[in-house]
Protein backbone atom coordinates (compact mmCIF):
# COMPACT_ATOMS: atom_id res chain seq x y z
CA MET A 1 0.00 0.00 0.00
CA GLU A 2 1.36 3.38 -0.94
CA THR A 3 1.19 6.48 1.22
CA THR A 4 -1.74 8.81 0.79
CA ARG A 5 -1.40 12.39 -0.34
CA GLY A 6 -3.31 13.63 2.67
CA ARG A 7 -1.43 14.59 5.75
CA THR A 8 -4.16 14.19 8.30
CA GLN A 9 -5.10 11.10 10.23
CA ASN A 10 -8.68 11.16 8.91
CA THR A 11 -7.46 10.97 5.32
CA VAL A 12 -5.42 7.87 6.06
CA LEU A 13 -8.25 6.29 8.01
CA ARG A 14 -10.60 6.79 5.03
CA ALA A 15 -8.18 5.68 2.32
CA ALA A 16 -6.91 2.40 3.77
CA PRO A 17 -10.31 0.65 4.03
CA CYS A 18 -11.20 1.81 0.52
CA LEU A 19 -8.00 0.30 -0.89
CA PHE A 20 -8.53 -2.99 0.92
CA GLY A 21 -12.14 -3.04 -0.30
CA LEU A 22 -11.05 -2.41 -3.88
CA ASP A 23 -8.51 -5.24 -3.68
CA SER A 24 -11.25 -7.54 -2.39
CA VAL A 25 -13.64 -6.58 -5.18
CA VAL A 26 -10.98 -7.23 -7.84
CA ALA A 27 -10.15 -10.60 -6.28
CA LEU A 28 -13.82 -11.61 -6.19
CA LEU A 29 -14.46 -10.50 -9.77
CA TYR A 30 -11.37 -12.36 -10.95
CA ALA A 31 -12.44 -15.51 -9.12
CA ARG A 32 -15.89 -15.38 -10.78
CA LEU A 33 -14.52 -15.10 -14.32
CA PRO A 34 -14.60 -18.18 -16.50
CA SER A 35 -11.35 -20.09 -16.75
CA ALA A 36 -10.79 -18.61 -20.24
CA GLY A 37 -10.36 -15.19 -18.64
CA ALA A 38 -7.95 -16.61 -16.12
CA ALA A 39 -5.81 -18.00 -18.94
CA GLU A 40 -5.37 -14.46 -20.27
CA ALA A 41 -3.89 -13.46 -16.92
CA THR A 42 -0.66 -15.30 -17.45
CA VAL A 43 2.30 -13.16 -18.41
CA SER A 44 5.50 -14.80 -19.50
CA TYR A 45 8.05 -13.16 -17.26
CA HIS A 46 11.15 -15.18 -16.59
CA GLY A 47 10.84 -16.91 -13.24
CA LYS A 48 7.18 -16.08 -12.71
CA THR A 49 5.17 -18.99 -11.35
CA ALA A 50 1.80 -17.55 -10.27
CA VAL A 51 -0.75 -14.96 -11.32
CA THR A 52 -0.18 -11.66 -9.53
CA PHE A 53 -2.68 -8.99 -8.53
CA SER A 54 -1.51 -6.91 -11.47
CA ASN A 55 -2.45 -9.74 -13.83
CA ALA A 56 -5.81 -10.22 -12.13
CA ILE A 57 -6.75 -6.54 -12.31
CA SER A 58 -5.79 -6.46 -15.99
CA VAL A 59 -8.11 -9.38 -16.73
CA VAL A 60 -10.93 -7.78 -14.72
CA ARG A 61 -10.45 -4.48 -16.57
CA ARG A 62 -10.53 -6.31 -19.90
CA GLN A 63 -13.78 -8.03 -18.96
CA LEU A 64 -15.31 -4.74 -17.79
CA TRP A 65 -14.35 -3.08 -21.09
CA LEU A 66 -15.81 -5.96 -23.08
CA GLU A 67 -19.06 -6.31 -21.15
CA GLY A 68 -19.58 -2.85 -19.75
CA VAL A 69 -18.49 -0.59 -22.58
CA PHE A 70 -18.36 -2.51 -25.83
CA GLU A 71 -21.58 -4.43 -25.22
CA SER A 72 -23.58 -1.36 -24.20
CA PRO A 73 -26.32 -0.12 -26.56
CA GLY A 74 -24.87 1.99 -29.34
CA GLN A 75 -21.31 0.77 -28.81
CA THR A 76 -21.65 -2.86 -29.84
CA GLU A 77 -21.81 -2.28 -33.59
CA ALA A 78 -19.02 0.30 -33.58
CA PHE A 79 -16.62 -2.02 -31.80
CA ARG A 80 -17.57 -5.09 -33.82
CA ASN A 81 -16.95 -3.19 -37.05
CA LEU A 82 -13.31 -2.70 -36.10
CA PRO A 83 -10.89 -5.32 -37.45
CA ARG A 84 -10.02 -8.04 -34.89
CA PRO A 85 -6.32 -7.05 -34.74
CA LEU A 86 -7.29 -3.46 -33.93
CA GLN A 87 -9.72 -4.65 -31.25
CA ALA A 88 -6.92 -6.68 -29.69
CA VAL A 89 -4.52 -3.74 -29.76
CA LEU A 90 -7.08 -1.42 -28.14
CA LEU A 91 -7.84 -3.89 -25.35
CA ALA A 92 -4.14 -4.57 -24.82
CA ALA A 93 -3.50 -0.82 -24.47
CA TRP A 94 -6.45 -0.11 -22.17
CA THR A 95 -6.36 -3.00 -19.75
CA PRO A 96 -2.88 -3.32 -18.19
CA ALA A 97 -2.43 -2.18 -14.63
CA ALA A 98 -0.31 0.90 -14.19
């Protein structure tokens, strides 16, 4: 957990539970994804043996983009009209964790 920008105790006391809650939500959403989504979470770094939180949040973001944005009324046709390679590039650019 990183330090907060606030310098008062109340800021820290508000931020920490929110961060832990967000981590929990990401973990639950990742766990509920089909196994196909989990397969996308693997990143081939040398020596890496398990999926990290960064991988999990990237997969959850990808799923949210696909279901929440691209499948919304008015957006479905526009996204489907894009060539598959361009769709893949857009999702690869928008989903990684910072």
